[in-house]
């Protein structure tokens, strides 16, 4: 069972960012202006979607400080990818 994420709580975002920074040996930080953007976005499925987005952000970002513009651009590329159905 997965938890729905209507607006991403920042503690989850911070936790995911810390984990992905460690995995990919990065030191990405989010600008304060991006936090309302992430909180207000309607995450369509669950915490895994948020994790995929944060992971994609860490891997693809060229700069070490992420702005709302960068996050918006990357979010658009993540959402254009096809979703695969799980077999039950």
Foldseek 3Di string as FASTA:
>chain_A
DFDAQQFPDVVLLVVLLVVLCVVVVAQADEDPQQNVVRRNDGQPDGSVSVSVLSNQCRVPDPDRYDYNVSSVVSVVVSVVDDDDDDDD
